[in-house]
Amino acid sequence: AEGIQELNSPVCSVNLAAVETNIVMVSVRRDLLSPVELCEHLR
């Protein structure tokens, strides 16, 4: 999550305060890339 925040990318972001356990919810700017597309590119 800290790595995502350091990226400071317009594509995705994260709320560090919400990362309390082993789960990270990554917000995706849908006008740039959908969550499904991001998952496909990461895979």
ModelCIF file with pLDDT and N, C-alpha, C, O atoms, coordinates in Angstrom:
data_MODEL
#
_entry.id   MODEL 
#
_entity.id                         1 
_entity.type                       polymer 
_entity.pdbx_number_of_molecules   1 
#
_entity_poly.entity_id                      1 
_entity_poly.type                           'polypeptide(L)' 
_entity_poly.nstd_linkage                   no 
_entity_poly.nstd_monomer                   no 
_entity_poly.pdbx_seq_one_letter_code       AEGIQELNSPVCSVNLAAVETNIVMVSVRRDLLSPVELCEHLR 
_entity_poly.pdbx_seq_one_letter_code_can   AEGIQELNSPVCSVNLAAVETNIVMVSVRRDLLSPVELCEHLR 
_entity_poly.pdbx_strand_id                 A 
#
loop_
_entity_poly_seq.entity_id 
_entity_poly_seq.num 
_entity_poly_seq.mon_id 
_entity_poly_seq.hetero 
1 1  ALA n 
1 2  GLU n 
1 3  GLY n 
1 4  ILE n 
1 5  GLN n 
1 6  GLU n 
1 7  LEU n 
1 8  ASN n 
1 9  SER n 
1 10 PRO n 
1 11 VAL n 
1 12 CYS n 
1 13 SER n 
1 14 VAL n 
1 15 ASN n 
1 16 LEU n 
1 17 ALA n 
1 18 ALA n 
1 19 VAL n 
1 20 GLU n 
1 21 THR n 
1 22 ASN n 
1 23 ILE n 
1 24 VAL n 
1 25 MET n 
1 26 VAL n 
1 27 SER n 
1 28 VAL n 
1 29 ARG n 
1 30 ARG n 
1 31 ASP n 
1 32 LEU n 
1 33 LEU n 
1 34 SER n 
1 35 PRO n 
1 36 VAL n 
1 37 GLU n 
1 38 LEU n 
1 39 CYS n 
1 40 GLU n 
1 41 HIS n 
1 42 LEU n 
1 43 ARG n 
#
_struct_asym.id          A 
_struct_asym.entity_id   1 
#
loop_
_ma_qa_metric.id 
_ma_qa_metric.mode 
_ma_qa_metric.name 
_ma_qa_metric.software_group_id 
_ma_qa_metric.type 
1 global pLDDT . pLDDT 
2 local  pLDDT . pLDDT 
#
_ma_qa_metric_global.metric_id      1 
_ma_qa_metric_global.metric_value   92.70 
_ma_qa_metric_global.model_id       1 
_ma_qa_metric_global.ordinal_id     1 
#
loop_
_ma_qa_metric_local.label_asym_id 
_ma_qa_metric_local.label_comp_id 
_ma_qa_metric_local.label_seq_id 
_ma_qa_metric_local.metric_id 
_ma_qa_metric_local.metric_value 
_ma_qa_metric_local.model_id 
_ma_qa_metric_local.ordinal_id 
A ALA 1  2 97.00 1 1  
A GLU 2  2 97.00 1 2  
A GLY 3  2 95.00 1 3  
A ILE 4  2 95.00 1 4  
A GLN 5  2 94.00 1 5  
A GLU 6  2 94.00 1 6  
A LEU 7  2 91.00 1 7  
A ASN 8  2 89.00 1 8  
A SER 9  2 89.00 1 9  
A PRO 10 2 89.00 1 10 
A VAL 11 2 89.00 1 11 
A CYS 12 2 92.00 1 12 
A SER 13 2 94.00 1 13 
A VAL 14 2 96.00 1 14 
A ASN 15 2 96.00 1 15 
A LEU 16 2 96.00 1 16 
A ALA 17 2 95.00 1 17 
A ALA 18 2 95.00 1 18 
A VAL 19 2 96.00 1 19 
A GLU 20 2 96.00 1 20 
A THR 21 2 96.00 1 21 
A ASN 22 2 96.00 1 22 
A ILE 23 2 97.00 1 23 
A VAL 24 2 97.00 1 24 
A MET 25 2 97.00 1 25 
A VAL 26 2 96.00 1 26 
A SER 27 2 95.00 1 27 
A VAL 28 2 93.00 1 28 
A ARG 29 2 89.00 1 29 
A ARG 30 2 77.00 1 30 
A ASP 31 2 80.00 1 31 
A LEU 32 2 81.00 1 32 
A LEU 33 2 86.00 1 33 
A SER 34 2 90.00 1 34 
A PRO 35 2 93.00 1 35 
A VAL 36 2 94.00 1 36 
A GLU 37 2 92.00 1 37 
A LEU 38 2 92.00 1 38 
A CYS 39 2 94.00 1 39 
A GLU 40 2 95.00 1 40 
A HIS 41 2 93.00 1 41 
A LEU 42 2 93.00 1 42 
A ARG 43 2 95.00 1 43 
#
loop_
_atom_site.group_PDB 
_atom_site.id 
_atom_site.type_symbol 
_atom_site.label_atom_id 
_atom_site.label_alt_id 
_atom_site.label_comp_id 
_atom_site.label_asym_id 
_atom_site.label_entity_id 
_atom_site.label_seq_id 
_atom_site.pdbx_PDB_ins_code 
_atom_site.Cartn_x 
_atom_site.Cartn_y 
_atom_site.Cartn_z 
_atom_site.occupancy 
_atom_site.B_iso_or_equiv 
_atom_site.pdbx_formal_charge 
_atom_site.auth_seq_id 
_atom_site.auth_comp_id 
_atom_site.auth_asym_id 
_atom_site.auth_atom_id 
_atom_site.pdbx_PDB_model_num 
ATOM 1   N N  . ALA A 1 1  ? 0.832   -1.206  0.000   1.00 97.00 ? 1  ALA A N  1 
ATOM 2   C CA . ALA A 1 1  ? 0.000   0.000   0.000   1.00 97.00 ? 1  ALA A CA 1 
ATOM 3   C C  . ALA A 1 1  ? 0.866   1.256   0.000   1.00 97.00 ? 1  ALA A C  1 
ATOM 4   O O  . ALA A 1 1  ? 0.562   2.221   -0.702  1.00 97.00 ? 1  ALA A O  1 
ATOM 5   N N  . GLU A 1 2  ? 1.936   1.247   0.779   1.00 97.00 ? 2  GLU A N  1 
ATOM 6   C CA . GLU A 1 2  ? 2.846   2.400   0.795   1.00 97.00 ? 2  GLU A CA 1 
ATOM 7   C C  . GLU A 1 2  ? 3.494   2.599   -0.575  1.00 97.00 ? 2  GLU A C  1 
ATOM 8   O O  . GLU A 1 2  ? 3.715   3.730   -1.007  1.00 97.00 ? 2  GLU A O  1 
ATOM 9   N N  . GLY A 1 3  ? 3.796   1.490   -1.250  1.00 95.00 ? 3  GLY A N  1 
ATOM 10  C CA . GLY A 1 3  ? 4.352   1.573   -2.596  1.00 95.00 ? 3  GLY A CA 1 
ATOM 11  C C  . GLY A 1 3  ? 3.377   2.219   -3.569  1.00 95.00 ? 3  GLY A C  1 
ATOM 12  O O  . GLY A 1 3  ? 3.779   3.003   -4.429  1.00 95.00 ? 3  GLY A O  1 
ATOM 13  N N  . ILE A 1 4  ? 2.104   1.894   -3.436  1.00 95.00 ? 4  ILE A N  1 
ATOM 14  C CA . ILE A 1 4  ? 1.089   2.516   -4.295  1.00 95.00 ? 4  ILE A CA 1 
ATOM 15  C C  . ILE A 1 4  ? 1.016   4.008   -4.012  1.00 95.00 ? 4  ILE A C  1 
ATOM 16  O O  . ILE A 1 4  ? 0.943   4.821   -4.933  1.00 95.00 ? 4  ILE A O  1 
ATOM 17  N N  . GLN A 1 5  ? 1.034   4.361   -2.737  1.00 94.00 ? 5  GLN A N  1 
ATOM 18  C CA . GLN A 1 5  ? 0.974   5.778   -2.386  1.00 94.00 ? 5  GLN A CA 1 
ATOM 19  C C  . GLN A 1 5  ? 2.196   6.530   -2.915  1.00 94.00 ? 5  GLN A C  1 
ATOM 20  O O  . GLN A 1 5  ? 2.067   7.646   -3.418  1.00 94.00 ? 5  GLN A O  1 
ATOM 21  N N  . GLU A 1 6  ? 3.369   5.929   -2.805  1.00 94.00 ? 6  GLU A N  1 
ATOM 22  C CA . GLU A 1 6  ? 4.603   6.561   -3.298  1.00 94.00 ? 6  GLU A CA 1 
ATOM 23  C C  . GLU A 1 6  ? 4.582   6.728   -4.814  1.00 94.00 ? 6  GLU A C  1 
ATOM 24  O O  . GLU A 1 6  ? 5.200   7.648   -5.349  1.00 94.00 ? 6  GLU A O  1 
ATOM 25  N N  . LEU A 1 7  ? 3.870   5.837   -5.505  1.00 91.00 ? 7  LEU A N  1 
ATOM 26  C CA . LEU A 1 7  ? 3.752   5.949   -6.965  1.00 91.00 ? 7  LEU A CA 1 
ATOM 27  C C  . LEU A 1 7  ? 3.136   7.271   -7.373  1.00 91.00 ? 7  LEU A C  1 
ATOM 28  O O  . LEU A 1 7  ? 3.518   7.872   -8.377  1.00 91.00 ? 7  LEU A O  1 
ATOM 29  N N  . ASN A 1 8  ? 2.172   7.713   -6.572  1.00 89.00 ? 8  ASN A N  1 
ATOM 30  C CA . ASN A 1 8  ? 1.455   8.954   -6.870  1.00 89.00 ? 8  ASN A CA 1 
ATOM 31  C C  . ASN A 1 8  ? 0.954   8.939   -8.313  1.00 89.00 ? 8  ASN A C  1 
ATOM 32  O O  . ASN A 1 8  ? 1.101   9.916   -9.047  1.00 89.00 ? 8  ASN A O  1 
ATOM 33  N N  . SER A 1 9  ? 0.366   7.822   -8.699  1.00 89.00 ? 9  SER A N  1 
ATOM 34  C CA . SER A 1 9  ? -0.088  7.619   -10.066 1.00 89.00 ? 9  SER A CA 1 
ATOM 35  C C  . SER A 1 9  ? -1.539  8.059   -10.228 1.00 89.00 ? 9  SER A C  1 
ATOM 36  O O  . SER A 1 9  ? -2.340  7.890   -9.309  1.00 89.00 ? 9  SER A O  1 
ATOM 37  N N  . PRO A 1 10 ? -1.884  8.613   -11.369 1.00 89.00 ? 10 PRO A N  1 
ATOM 38  C CA . PRO A 1 10 ? -3.294  8.928   -11.618 1.00 89.00 ? 10 PRO A CA 1 
ATOM 39  C C  . PRO A 1 10 ? -4.129  7.665   -11.871 1.00 89.00 ? 10 PRO A C  1 
ATOM 40  O O  . PRO A 1 10 ? -5.358  7.723   -11.835 1.00 89.00 ? 10 PRO A O  1 
ATOM 41  N N  . VAL A 1 11 ? -3.481  6.544   -12.123 1.00 89.00 ? 11 VAL A N  1 
ATOM 42  C CA . VAL A 1 11 ? -4.191  5.307   -12.430 1.00 89.00 ? 11 VAL A CA 1 
ATOM 43  C C  . VAL A 1 11 ? -4.816  4.684   -11.182 1.00 89.00 ? 11 VAL A C  1 
ATOM 44  O O  . VAL A 1 11 ? -5.961  4.232   -11.222 1.00 89.00 ? 11 VAL A O  1 
ATOM 45  N N  . CYS A 1 12 ? -4.069  4.659   -10.072 1.00 92.00 ? 12 CYS A N  1 
ATOM 46  C CA . CYS A 1 12 ? -4.577  4.008   -8.873  1.00 92.00 ? 12 CYS A CA 1 
ATOM 47  C C  . CYS A 1 12 ? -4.068  4.693   -7.616  1.00 92.00 ? 12 CYS A C  1 
ATOM 48  O O  . CYS A 1 12 ? -3.055  5.392   -7.629  1.00 92.00 ? 12 CYS A O  1 
ATOM 49  N N  . SER A 1 13 ? -4.801  4.470   -6.528  1.00 94.00 ? 13 SER A N  1 
ATOM 50  C CA . SER A 1 13 ? -4.417  5.048   -5.237  1.00 94.00 ? 13 SER A CA 1 
ATOM 51  C C  . SER A 1 13 ? -4.905  4.124   -4.128  1.00 94.00 ? 13 SER A C  1 
ATOM 52  O O  . SER A 1 13 ? -5.625  3.155   -4.369  1.00 94.00 ? 13 SER A O  1 
ATOM 53  N N  . VAL A 1 14 ? -4.495  4.450   -2.911  1.00 96.00 ? 14 VAL A N  1 
ATOM 54  C CA . VAL A 1 14 ? -4.888  3.640   -1.761  1.00 96.00 ? 14 VAL A CA 1 
ATOM 55  C C  . VAL A 1 14 ? -5.058  4.554   -0.557  1.00 96.00 ? 14 VAL A C  1 
ATOM 56  O O  . VAL A 1 14 ? -4.367  5.564   -0.422  1.00 96.00 ? 14 VAL A O  1 
ATOM 57  N N  . ASN A 1 15 ? -5.983  4.185   0.311   1.00 96.00 ? 15 ASN A N  1 
ATOM 58  C CA . ASN A 1 15 ? -6.173  4.883   1.577   1.00 96.00 ? 15 ASN A CA 1 
ATOM 59  C C  . ASN A 1 15 ? -5.372  4.120   2.628   1.00 96.00 ? 15 ASN A C  1 
ATOM 60  O O  . ASN A 1 15 ? -5.815  3.079   3.113   1.00 96.00 ? 15 ASN A O  1 
ATOM 61  N N  . LEU A 1 16 ? -4.200  4.633   2.980   1.00 96.00 ? 16 LEU A N  1 
ATOM 62  C CA . LEU A 1 16 ? -3.323  3.928   3.922   1.00 96.00 ? 16 LEU A CA 1 
ATOM 63  C C  . LEU A 1 16 ? -3.989  3.704   5.275   1.00 96.00 ? 16 LEU A C  1 
ATOM 64  O O  . LEU A 1 16 ? -3.740  2.684   5.916   1.00 96.00 ? 16 LEU A O  1 
ATOM 65  N N  . ALA A 1 17 ? -4.814  4.617   5.713   1.00 95.00 ? 17 ALA A N  1 
ATOM 66  C CA . ALA A 1 17 ? -5.477  4.476   7.013   1.00 95.00 ? 17 ALA A CA 1 
ATOM 67  C C  . ALA A 1 17 ? -6.396  3.262   7.040   1.00 95.00 ? 17 ALA A C  1 
ATOM 68  O O  . ALA A 1 17 ? -6.677  2.726   8.112   1.00 95.00 ? 17 ALA A O  1 
ATOM 69  N N  . ALA A 1 18 ? -6.860  2.828   5.889   1.00 95.00 ? 18 ALA A N  1 
ATOM 70  C CA . ALA A 1 18 ? -7.773  1.682   5.815   1.00 95.00 ? 18 ALA A CA 1 
ATOM 71  C C  . ALA A 1 18 ? -7.036  0.341   5.755   1.00 95.00 ? 18 ALA A C  1 
ATOM 72  O O  . ALA A 1 18 ? -7.672  -0.711  5.810   1.00 95.00 ? 18 ALA A O  1 
ATOM 73  N N  . VAL A 1 19 ? -5.712  0.365   5.644   1.00 96.00 ? 19 VAL A N  1 
ATOM 74  C CA . VAL A 1 19 ? -4.932  -0.889  5.574   1.00 96.00 ? 19 VAL A CA 1 
ATOM 75  C C  . VAL A 1 19 ? -4.565  -1.291  6.998   1.00 96.00 ? 19 VAL A C  1 
ATOM 76  O O  . VAL A 1 19 ? -3.570  -0.832  7.560   1.00 96.00 ? 19 VAL A O  1 
ATOM 77  N N  . GLU A 1 20 ? -5.399  -2.163  7.565   1.00 96.00 ? 20 GLU A N  1 
ATOM 78  C CA . GLU A 1 20 ? -5.213  -2.578  8.956   1.00 96.00 ? 20 GLU A CA 1 
ATOM 79  C C  . GLU A 1 20 ? -4.754  -4.021  9.086   1.00 96.00 ? 20 GLU A C  1 
ATOM 80  O O  . GLU A 1 20 ? -4.164  -4.399  10.098  1.00 96.00 ? 20 GLU A O  1 
ATOM 81  N N  . THR A 1 21 ? -5.023  -4.828  8.065   1.00 96.00 ? 21 THR A N  1 
ATOM 82  C CA . THR A 1 21 ? -4.676  -6.247  8.144   1.00 96.00 ? 21 THR A CA 1 
ATOM 83  C C  . THR A 1 21 ? -3.945  -6.650  6.872   1.00 96.00 ? 21 THR A C  1 
ATOM 84  O O  . THR A 1 21 ? -3.050  -5.941  6.411   1.00 96.00 ? 21 THR A O  1 
ATOM 85  N N  . ASN A 1 22 ? -4.327  -7.788  6.309   1.00 96.00 ? 22 ASN A N  1 
ATOM 86  C CA . ASN A 1 22 ? -3.677  -8.341  5.130   1.00 96.00 ? 22 ASN A CA 1 
ATOM 87  C C  . ASN A 1 22 ? -4.423  -7.997  3.844   1.00 96.00 ? 22 ASN A C  1 
ATOM 88  O O  . ASN A 1 22 ? -4.150  -8.590  2.801   1.00 96.00 ? 22 ASN A O  1 
ATOM 89  N N  . ILE A 1 23 ? -5.349  -7.059  3.900   1.00 97.00 ? 23 ILE A N  1 
ATOM 90  C CA . ILE A 1 23 ? -6.157  -6.699  2.737   1.00 97.00 ? 23 ILE A CA 1 
ATOM 91  C C  . ILE A 1 23 ? -5.869  -5.263  2.334   1.00 97.00 ? 23 ILE A C  1 
ATOM 92  O O  . ILE A 1 23 ? -5.871  -4.357  3.168   1.00 97.00 ? 23 ILE A O  1 
ATOM 93  N N  . VAL A 1 24 ? -5.620  -5.065  1.030   1.00 97.00 ? 24 VAL A N  1 
ATOM 94  C CA . VAL A 1 24 ? -5.424  -3.726  0.478   1.00 97.00 ? 24 VAL A CA 1 
ATOM 95  C C  . VAL A 1 24 ? -6.471  -3.516  -0.606  1.00 97.00 ? 24 VAL A C  1 
ATOM 96  O O  . VAL A 1 24 ? -6.565  -4.287  -1.561  1.00 97.00 ? 24 VAL A O  1 
ATOM 97  N N  . MET A 1 25 ? -7.254  -2.459  -0.440  1.00 97.00 ? 25 MET A N  1 
ATOM 98  C CA . MET A 1 25 ? -8.249  -2.082  -1.434  1.00 97.00 ? 25 MET A CA 1 
ATOM 99  C C  . MET A 1 25 ? -7.632  -0.952  -2.267  1.00 97.00 ? 25 MET A C  1 
ATOM 100 O O  . MET A 1 25 ? -7.344  0.129   -1.752  1.00 97.00 ? 25 MET A O  1 
ATOM 101 N N  . VAL A 1 26 ? -7.437  -1.220  -3.548  1.00 96.00 ? 26 VAL A N  1 
ATOM 102 C CA . VAL A 1 26 ? -6.799  -0.260  -4.455  1.00 96.00 ? 26 VAL A CA 1 
ATOM 103 C C  . VAL A 1 26 ? -7.891  0.439   -5.256  1.00 96.00 ? 26 VAL A C  1 
ATOM 104 O O  . VAL A 1 26 ? -8.671  -0.211  -5.953  1.00 96.00 ? 26 VAL A O  1 
ATOM 105 N N  . SER A 1 27 ? -7.943  1.756   -5.155  1.00 95.00 ? 27 SER A N  1 
ATOM 106 C CA . SER A 1 27 ? -8.900  2.541   -5.934  1.00 95.00 ? 27 SER A CA 1 
ATOM 107 C C  . SER A 1 27 ? -8.338  2.756   -7.325  1.00 95.00 ? 27 SER A C  1 
ATOM 108 O O  . SER A 1 27 ? -7.166  3.096   -7.487  1.00 95.00 ? 27 SER A O  1 
ATOM 109 N N  . VAL A 1 28 ? -9.184  2.556   -8.330  1.00 93.00 ? 28 VAL A N  1 
ATOM 110 C CA . VAL A 1 28 ? -8.757  2.672   -9.729  1.00 93.00 ? 28 VAL A CA 1 
ATOM 111 C C  . VAL A 1 28 ? -9.549  3.799   -10.376 1.00 93.00 ? 28 VAL A C  1 
ATOM 112 O O  . VAL A 1 28 ? -10.771 3.871   -10.242 1.00 93.00 ? 28 VAL A O  1 
ATOM 113 N N  . ARG A 1 29 ? -8.844  4.676   -11.078 1.00 89.00 ? 29 ARG A N  1 
ATOM 114 C CA . ARG A 1 29 ? -9.536  5.742   -11.821 1.00 89.00 ? 29 ARG A CA 1 
ATOM 115 C C  . ARG A 1 29 ? -10.166 5.114   -13.044 1.00 89.00 ? 29 ARG A C  1 
ATOM 116 O O  . ARG A 1 29 ? -9.498  4.871   -14.048 1.00 89.00 ? 29 ARG A O  1 
ATOM 117 N N  . ARG A 1 30 ? -11.440 4.856   -12.952 1.00 77.00 ? 30 ARG A N  1 
ATOM 118 C CA . ARG A 1 30 ? -12.172 4.122   -13.979 1.00 77.00 ? 30 ARG A CA 1 
ATOM 119 C C  . ARG A 1 30 ? -12.132 4.794   -15.344 1.00 77.00 ? 30 ARG A C  1 
ATOM 120 O O  . ARG A 1 30 ? -12.227 4.120   -16.370 1.00 77.00 ? 30 ARG A O  1 
ATOM 121 N N  . ASP A 1 31 ? -11.993 6.115   -15.364 1.00 80.00 ? 31 ASP A N  1 
ATOM 122 C CA . ASP A 1 31 ? -11.919 6.796   -16.659 1.00 80.00 ? 31 ASP A CA 1 
ATOM 123 C C  . ASP A 1 31 ? -10.595 6.503   -17.366 1.00 80.00 ? 31 ASP A C  1 
ATOM 124 O O  . ASP A 1 31 ? -10.472 6.715   -18.573 1.00 80.00 ? 31 ASP A O  1 
ATOM 125 N N  . LEU A 1 32 ? -9.609  6.017   -16.614 1.00 81.00 ? 32 LEU A N  1 
ATOM 126 C CA . LEU A 1 32 ? -8.322  5.648   -17.209 1.00 81.00 ? 32 LEU A CA 1 
ATOM 127 C C  . LEU A 1 32 ? -8.214  4.147   -17.452 1.00 81.00 ? 32 LEU A C  1 
ATOM 128 O O  . LEU A 1 32 ? -7.659  3.711   -18.461 1.00 81.00 ? 32 LEU A O  1 
ATOM 129 N N  . LEU A 1 33 ? -8.751  3.355   -16.516 1.00 86.00 ? 33 LEU A N  1 
ATOM 130 C CA . LEU A 1 33 ? -8.584  1.906   -16.555 1.00 86.00 ? 33 LEU A CA 1 
ATOM 131 C C  . LEU A 1 33 ? -9.631  1.290   -15.624 1.00 86.00 ? 33 LEU A C  1 
ATOM 132 O O  . LEU A 1 33 ? -9.833  1.779   -14.513 1.00 86.00 ? 33 LEU A O  1 
ATOM 133 N N  . SER A 1 34 ? -10.282 0.246   -16.060 1.00 90.00 ? 34 SER A N  1 
ATOM 134 C CA . SER A 1 34 ? -11.258 -0.405  -15.177 1.00 90.00 ? 34 SER A CA 1 
ATOM 135 C C  . SER A 1 34 ? -10.530 -1.376  -14.243 1.00 90.00 ? 34 SER A C  1 
ATOM 136 O O  . SER A 1 34 ? -9.419  -1.810  -14.548 1.00 90.00 ? 34 SER A O  1 
ATOM 137 N N  . PRO A 1 35 ? -11.148 -1.717  -13.108 1.00 93.00 ? 35 PRO A N  1 
ATOM 138 C CA . PRO A 1 35 ? -10.535 -2.713  -12.224 1.00 93.00 ? 35 PRO A CA 1 
ATOM 139 C C  . PRO A 1 35 ? -10.265 -4.046  -12.937 1.00 93.00 ? 35 PRO A C  1 
ATOM 140 O O  . PRO A 1 35 ? -9.237  -4.681  -12.698 1.00 93.00 ? 35 PRO A O  1 
ATOM 141 N N  . VAL A 1 36 ? -11.182 -4.464  -13.804 1.00 94.00 ? 36 VAL A N  1 
ATOM 142 C CA . VAL A 1 36 ? -10.970 -5.716  -14.544 1.00 94.00 ? 36 VAL A CA 1 
ATOM 143 C C  . VAL A 1 36 ? -9.737  -5.591  -15.436 1.00 94.00 ? 36 VAL A C  1 
ATOM 144 O O  . VAL A 1 36 ? -8.917  -6.508  -15.493 1.00 94.00 ? 36 VAL A O  1 
ATOM 145 N N  . GLU A 1 37 ? -9.603  -4.464  -16.133 1.00 92.00 ? 37 GLU A N  1 
ATOM 146 C CA . GLU A 1 37 ? -8.430  -4.264  -16.999 1.00 92.00 ? 37 GLU A CA 1 
ATOM 147 C C  . GLU A 1 37 ? -7.139  -4.238  -16.186 1.00 92.00 ? 37 GLU A C  1 
ATOM 148 O O  . GLU A 1 37 ? -6.136  -4.824  -16.593 1.00 92.00 ? 37 GLU A O  1 
ATOM 149 N N  . LEU A 1 38 ? -7.160  -3.558  -15.031 1.00 92.00 ? 38 LEU A N  1 
ATOM 150 C CA . LEU A 1 38 ? -5.963  -3.518  -14.198 1.00 92.00 ? 38 LEU A CA 1 
ATOM 151 C C  . LEU A 1 38 ? -5.578  -4.931  -13.771 1.00 92.00 ? 38 LEU A C  1 
ATOM 152 O O  . LEU A 1 38 ? -4.404  -5.296  -13.823 1.00 92.00 ? 38 LEU A O  1 
ATOM 153 N N  . CYS A 1 39 ? -6.559  -5.727  -13.348 1.00 94.00 ? 39 CYS A N  1 
ATOM 154 C CA . CYS A 1 39 ? -6.288  -7.116  -12.943 1.00 94.00 ? 39 CYS A CA 1 
ATOM 155 C C  . CYS A 1 39 ? -5.687  -7.915  -14.094 1.00 94.00 ? 39 CYS A C  1 
ATOM 156 O O  . CYS A 1 39 ? -4.753  -8.691  -13.894 1.00 94.00 ? 39 CYS A O  1 
ATOM 157 N N  . GLU A 1 40 ? -6.225  -7.724  -15.303 1.00 95.00 ? 40 GLU A N  1 
ATOM 158 C CA . GLU A 1 40 ? -5.706  -8.441  -16.476 1.00 95.00 ? 40 GLU A CA 1 
ATOM 159 C C  . GLU A 1 40 ? -4.268  -8.033  -16.776 1.00 95.00 ? 40 GLU A C  1 
ATOM 160 O O  . GLU A 1 40 ? -3.436  -8.886  -17.084 1.00 95.00 ? 40 GLU A O  1 
ATOM 161 N N  . HIS A 1 41 ? -3.964  -6.732  -16.690 1.00 93.00 ? 41 HIS A N  1 
ATOM 162 C CA . HIS A 1 41 ? -2.597  -6.260  -16.955 1.00 93.00 ? 41 HIS A CA 1 
ATOM 163 C C  . HIS A 1 41 ? -1.619  -6.754  -15.890 1.00 93.00 ? 41 HIS A C  1 
ATOM 164 O O  . HIS A 1 41 ? -0.468  -7.062  -16.198 1.00 93.00 ? 41 HIS A O  1 
ATOM 165 N N  . LEU A 1 42 ? -2.071  -6.828  -14.648 1.00 93.00 ? 42 LEU A N  1 
ATOM 166 C CA . LEU A 1 42 ? -1.197  -7.322  -13.582 1.00 93.00 ? 42 LEU A CA 1 
ATOM 167 C C  . LEU A 1 42 ? -0.932  -8.816  -13.710 1.00 93.00 ? 42 LEU A C  1 
ATOM 168 O O  . LEU A 1 42 ? 0.147   -9.294  -13.359 1.00 93.00 ? 42 LEU A O  1 
ATOM 169 N N  . ARG A 1 43 ? -1.916  -9.547  -14.213 1.00 95.00 ? 43 ARG A N  1 
ATOM 170 C CA . ARG A 1 43 ? -1.761  -10.998 -14.385 1.00 95.00 ? 43 ARG A CA 1 
ATOM 171 C C  . ARG A 1 43 ? -0.898  -11.344 -15.604 1.00 95.00 ? 43 ARG A C  1 
ATOM 172 O O  . ARG A 1 43 ? -0.672  -12.520 -15.887 1.00 95.00 ? 43 ARG A O  1 
#
